[in-house]
Every structure is written in C-alpha cells, then in structure tokens.
C-alpha cells in the first residue's frame, strides 16, 4: 500500500505539493470508558492540529461525513480554490475515531465509504481520489 500511496503522491507532484505527516496514536487502556476514549481522541487531535494552518481548508475523513462522487470531490476542491483557498489539509483521526476538536476544526467531513478502512487503505484511496479529482478539474483523461 505504501508503494501505491507513493505512486499517487508522485503523480500529484506536477499539480500539487503533497506532504504526509503521521502521528503516533495515544495509548488506550484495555476496556476504556467512553470518557477515556474521548480524552484520548482529544489528545490525538491536539497533536494533529499543530500541523493545521489557520487558513487551511480542512477535510476530515469521518465515517459519519458526507459521501461524494469523484466529480463532486473535484468540484468541492475547485470551488474552494476559486474562493481563494490554496492549502488543503486532509485529516485521518486515530483508531477510535475523531475527537470533538478535530470535528470542530473541519470545514468539511468526508466519508470514503460506510465501511471502515485501515489508515493505510484510507490514505491510498484518498491519494487516488485526489489524483482523479485533479485530473477531472483539469479536463484531462484519467487512465491507470
């Protein structure tokens, strides 16, 4: 999957600067209460938010977010670019989900699917969809 992710990051290179930042997940005790889970998710969110700029357009991958088609994702990005946004930050929360702080900072919550994917799978799908969105935006054919 790392090779696939790198392939799409390379393909995106002429169209956009892409940086992937990974954070270690917080330790979660066995059989945690909901309050402990929320505290851990908030702490993970704090670490992630240190990399988010004030003017970033933040898209949070969230299972309860909105599902978009590839053309609709392309249109969302194009609309934001037209509105002056030049930096997009895509966030993937920890294994237990997203804390309130990440949800509050998100400008848009995106669901890749009603299914749950590993972080690596989500990154690969997201990288491919961003590449596809840019090709759509540029009115270029998309072929693998």
C-alpha atoms as a PDB file:
ATOM      1  CA  UNK A   1       0.000   0.000   0.000  1.00  0.00           C
ATOM      2  CA  UNK A   2       2.903   2.333   0.692  1.00  0.00           C
ATOM      3  CA  UNK A   3       4.031   1.868  -2.920  1.00  0.00           C
ATOM      4  CA  UNK A   4       0.546   2.701  -4.165  1.00  0.00           C
ATOM      5  CA  UNK A   5       0.343   5.800  -1.984  1.00  0.00           C
ATOM      6  CA  UNK A   6       3.758   6.925  -3.194  1.00  0.00           C
ATOM      7  CA  UNK A   7       2.710   6.367  -6.799  1.00  0.00           C
ATOM      8  CA  UNK A   8      -0.237   8.764  -6.451  1.00  0.00           C
ATOM      9  CA  UNK A   9       1.799  11.300  -4.489  1.00  0.00           C
ATOM     10  CA  UNK A  10       4.318  11.237  -7.353  1.00  0.00           C
ATOM     11  CA  UNK A  11       1.544  11.645  -9.943  1.00  0.00           C
ATOM     12  CA  UNK A  12       0.129  14.577  -7.972  1.00  0.00           C
ATOM     13  CA  UNK A  13       3.566  16.225  -7.883  1.00  0.00           C
ATOM     14  CA  UNK A  14       3.162  18.355 -11.034  1.00  0.00           C
ATOM     15  CA  UNK A  15      -0.292  19.511  -9.874  1.00  0.00           C
ATOM     16  CA  UNK A  16       0.073  19.977  -6.126  1.00  0.00           C
ATOM     17  CA  UNK A  17       2.569  19.845  -3.295  1.00  0.00           C
ATOM     18  CA  UNK A  18       1.718  16.847  -1.117  1.00  0.00           C
ATOM     19  CA  UNK A  19       3.053  16.211   2.356  1.00  0.00           C
ATOM     20  CA  UNK A  20       2.057  13.266   4.523  1.00  0.00           C
ATOM     21  CA  UNK A  21       2.524  13.701   8.259  1.00  0.00           C
ATOM     22  CA  UNK A  22       1.998  10.754  10.581  1.00  0.00           C
ATOM     23  CA  UNK A  23       1.456  10.910  14.324  1.00  0.00           C
ATOM     24  CA  UNK A  24       1.782   8.046  16.769  1.00  0.00           C
ATOM     25  CA  UNK A  25      -1.508   7.058  18.306  1.00  0.00           C
ATOM     26  CA  UNK A  26      -2.087   7.572  22.004  1.00  0.00           C
ATOM     27  CA  UNK A  27      -2.122   4.567  24.290  1.00  0.00           C
ATOM     28  CA  UNK A  28      -5.593   3.359  25.143  1.00  0.00           C
ATOM     29  CA  UNK A  29      -6.196   1.231  28.232  1.00  0.00           C
ATOM     30  CA  UNK A  30      -7.968  -2.102  27.881  1.00  0.00           C
ATOM     31  CA  UNK A  31     -11.774  -1.729  28.083  1.00  0.00           C
ATOM     32  CA  UNK A  32     -11.752   2.091  28.309  1.00  0.00           C
ATOM     33  CA  UNK A  33     -14.815   4.076  29.331  1.00  0.00           C
ATOM     34  CA  UNK A  34     -16.385   6.465  26.828  1.00  0.00           C
ATOM     35  CA  UNK A  35     -14.873   9.385  28.784  1.00  0.00           C
ATOM     36  CA  UNK A  36     -11.373   7.877  28.490  1.00  0.00           C
ATOM     37  CA  UNK A  37     -11.863   7.227  24.753  1.00  0.00           C
ATOM     38  CA  UNK A  38     -12.930  10.847  24.237  1.00  0.00           C
ATOM     39  CA  UNK A  39      -9.939  12.108  26.229  1.00  0.00           C
ATOM     40  CA  UNK A  40      -7.542  10.018  24.137  1.00  0.00           C
ATOM     41  CA  UNK A  41      -9.178  11.194  20.886  1.00  0.00           C
ATOM     42  CA  UNK A  42      -8.900  14.821  22.030  1.00  0.00           C
ATOM     43  CA  UNK A  43      -5.204  14.346  22.824  1.00  0.00           C
ATOM     44  CA  UNK A  44      -4.604  12.772  19.405  1.00  0.00           C
ATOM     45  CA  UNK A  45      -6.481  15.681  17.855  1.00  0.00           C
ATOM     46  CA  UNK A  46      -4.276  18.215  19.653  1.00  0.00           C
ATOM     47  CA  UNK A  47      -1.178  16.598  18.176  1.00  0.00           C
ATOM     48  CA  UNK A  48      -2.673  16.620  14.680  1.00  0.00           C
ATOM     49  CA  UNK A  49      -3.957  20.200  14.870  1.00  0.00           C
ATOM     50  CA  UNK A  50      -0.429  21.521  15.459  1.00  0.00           C
ATOM     51  CA  UNK A  51       0.142  20.963  11.729  1.00  0.00           C
ATOM     52  CA  UNK A  52      -3.011  22.735  10.562  1.00  0.00           C
ATOM     53  CA  UNK A  53      -2.631  26.321   9.412  1.00  0.00           C
ATOM     54  CA  UNK A  54      -5.184  28.988  10.214  1.00  0.00           C
ATOM     55  CA  UNK A  55      -6.097  29.452   6.546  1.00  0.00           C
ATOM     56  CA  UNK A  56      -6.133  25.754   5.649  1.00  0.00           C
ATOM     57  CA  UNK A  57      -9.291  24.244   4.248  1.00  0.00           C
ATOM     58  CA  UNK A  58      -9.626  21.162   6.447  1.00  0.00           C
ATOM     59  CA  UNK A  59     -11.290  17.997   5.224  1.00  0.00           C
ATOM     60  CA  UNK A  60     -11.722  15.405   7.946  1.00  0.00           C
ATOM     61  CA  UNK A  61     -12.150  11.790   6.950  1.00  0.00           C
ATOM     62  CA  UNK A  62     -15.031  10.666   9.105  1.00  0.00           C
ATOM     63  CA  UNK A  63     -17.333   7.663   8.812  1.00  0.00           C
ATOM     64  CA  UNK A  64     -20.264   9.974   9.606  1.00  0.00           C
ATOM     65  CA  UNK A  65     -19.175  12.515   6.981  1.00  0.00           C
ATOM     66  CA  UNK A  66     -20.702  13.100   3.570  1.00  0.00           C
ATOM     67  CA  UNK A  67     -20.017  10.673   0.738  1.00  0.00           C
ATOM     68  CA  UNK A  68     -19.057  12.339  -2.542  1.00  0.00           C
ATOM     69  CA  UNK A  69     -18.608  11.071  -6.057  1.00  0.00           C
ATOM     70  CA  UNK A  70     -15.237  11.710  -7.701  1.00  0.00           C
ATOM     71  CA  UNK A  71     -16.637  14.601  -9.787  1.00  0.00           C
ATOM     72  CA  UNK A  72     -18.274  16.083  -6.663  1.00  0.00           C
ATOM     73  CA  UNK A  73     -14.963  15.967  -4.761  1.00  0.00           C
ATOM     74  CA  UNK A  74     -13.283  17.673  -7.711  1.00  0.00           C
ATOM     75  CA  UNK A  75     -15.989  20.348  -7.689  1.00  0.00           C
ATOM     76  CA  UNK A  76     -15.631  20.896  -3.921  1.00  0.00           C
ATOM     77  CA  UNK A  77     -11.888  21.445  -4.288  1.00  0.00           C
ATOM     78  CA  UNK A  78     -12.336  23.690  -7.344  1.00  0.00           C
ATOM     79  CA  UNK A  79     -14.948  25.822  -5.528  1.00  0.00           C
ATOM     80  CA  UNK A  80     -12.620  26.300  -2.582  1.00  0.00           C
ATOM     81  CA  UNK A  81      -9.703  27.188  -4.878  1.00  0.00           C
ATOM     82  CA  UNK A  82     -11.894  29.758  -6.626  1.00  0.00           C
ATOM     83  CA  UNK A  83     -12.768  31.146  -3.181  1.00  0.00           C
ATOM     84  CA  UNK A  84      -9.054  31.642  -2.507  1.00  0.00           C
ATOM     85  CA  UNK A  85      -8.069  28.504  -0.645  1.00  0.00           C
ATOM     86  CA  UNK A  86      -4.644  27.261  -1.662  1.00  0.00           C
ATOM     87  CA  UNK A  87      -3.834  24.814   1.113  1.00  0.00           C
ATOM     88  CA  UNK A  88      -5.978  21.770   1.790  1.00  0.00           C
ATOM     89  CA  UNK A  89      -5.380  19.597   4.818  1.00  0.00           C
ATOM     90  CA  UNK A  90      -6.910  16.135   4.953  1.00  0.00           C
ATOM     91  CA  UNK A  91      -7.089  14.602   8.417  1.00  0.00           C
ATOM     92  CA  UNK A  92      -7.427  10.964   9.343  1.00  0.00           C
ATOM     93  CA  UNK A  93      -8.049  10.554  13.063  1.00  0.00           C
ATOM     94  CA  UNK A  94      -6.979   7.782  15.365  1.00  0.00           C
ATOM     95  CA  UNK A  95      -8.193   4.179  15.504  1.00  0.00           C
ATOM     96  CA  UNK A  96     -11.087   5.073  17.821  1.00  0.00           C
ATOM     97  CA  UNK A  97     -12.314   7.937  15.665  1.00  0.00           C
ATOM     98  CA  UNK A  98     -12.132  11.711  15.749  1.00  0.00           C
ATOM     99  CA  UNK A  99     -12.308  13.866  18.844  1.00  0.00           C
ATOM    100  CA  UNK A 100     -14.515  16.925  19.148  1.00  0.00           C
ATOM    101  CA  UNK A 101     -11.545  19.200  18.456  1.00  0.00           C
ATOM    102  CA  UNK A 102     -10.944  17.664  15.009  1.00  0.00           C
ATOM    103  CA  UNK A 103     -14.636  17.694  14.159  1.00  0.00           C
ATOM    104  CA  UNK A 104     -14.881  21.345  15.241  1.00  0.00           C
ATOM    105  CA  UNK A 105     -11.903  22.398  13.096  1.00  0.00           C
ATOM    106  CA  UNK A 106     -13.097  20.579   9.984  1.00  0.00           C
ATOM    107  CA  UNK A 107     -14.504  22.681   7.181  1.00  0.00           C
ATOM    108  CA  UNK A 108     -15.875  19.533   5.578  1.00  0.00           C
ATOM    109  CA  UNK A 109     -16.336  15.991   6.837  1.00  0.00           C
ATOM    110  CA  UNK A 110     -15.806  13.376   4.130  1.00  0.00           C
ATOM    111  CA  UNK A 111     -16.720   9.713   4.263  1.00  0.00           C
ATOM    112  CA  UNK A 112     -14.886   7.464   1.826  1.00  0.00           C
ATOM    113  CA  UNK A 113     -17.464   4.766   2.418  1.00  0.00           C
ATOM    114  CA  UNK A 114     -19.824   3.494   5.100  1.00  0.00           C
ATOM    115  CA  UNK A 115     -17.199   0.775   5.606  1.00  0.00           C
ATOM    116  CA  UNK A 116     -14.195   1.247   7.874  1.00  0.00           C
ATOM    117  CA  UNK A 117     -10.700   1.043   6.359  1.00  0.00           C
ATOM    118  CA  UNK A 118      -7.254   0.825   7.869  1.00  0.00           C
ATOM    119  CA  UNK A 119      -5.293   4.074   7.855  1.00  0.00           C
ATOM    120  CA  UNK A 120      -3.088   2.821   5.028  1.00  0.00           C
ATOM    121  CA  UNK A 121      -6.092   1.840   2.915  1.00  0.00           C
ATOM    122  CA  UNK A 122      -7.763   5.200   3.594  1.00  0.00           C
ATOM    123  CA  UNK A 123      -4.560   7.003   2.564  1.00  0.00           C
ATOM    124  CA  UNK A 124      -4.329   5.013  -0.658  1.00  0.00           C
ATOM    125  CA  UNK A 125      -7.978   5.616  -1.546  1.00  0.00           C
ATOM    126  CA  UNK A 126      -7.667   9.314  -0.680  1.00  0.00           C
ATOM    127  CA  UNK A 127      -4.454   9.744  -2.707  1.00  0.00           C
ATOM    128  CA  UNK A 128      -6.066   8.076  -5.730  1.00  0.00           C
ATOM    129  CA  UNK A 129      -9.215  10.178  -5.398  1.00  0.00           C
ATOM    130  CA  UNK A 130      -7.213  13.404  -5.107  1.00  0.00           C
ATOM    131  CA  UNK A 131      -5.307  12.493  -8.245  1.00  0.00           C
ATOM    132  CA  UNK A 132      -8.593  11.701 -10.005  1.00  0.00           C
ATOM    133  CA  UNK A 133     -10.123  14.978  -8.750  1.00  0.00           C
ATOM    134  CA  UNK A 134      -7.223  16.999 -10.135  1.00  0.00           C
ATOM    135  CA  UNK A 135      -7.442  15.234 -13.498  1.00  0.00           C
ATOM    136  CA  UNK A 136     -11.194  15.950 -13.624  1.00  0.00           C
ATOM    137  CA  UNK A 137     -10.577  19.584 -12.678  1.00  0.00           C
ATOM    138  CA  UNK A 138      -8.035  19.924 -15.492  1.00  0.00           C
ATOM    139  CA  UNK A 139     -10.369  18.217 -18.001  1.00  0.00           C
ATOM    140  CA  UNK A 140      -7.745  15.552 -18.574  1.00  0.00           C
ATOM    141  CA  UNK A 141      -8.459  11.864 -19.142  1.00  0.00           C
ATOM    142  CA  UNK A 142      -7.828   9.554 -16.242  1.00  0.00           C
ATOM    143  CA  UNK A 143      -6.239   6.208 -17.049  1.00  0.00           C
ATOM    144  CA  UNK A 144      -4.073   3.917 -14.962  1.00  0.00           C
END
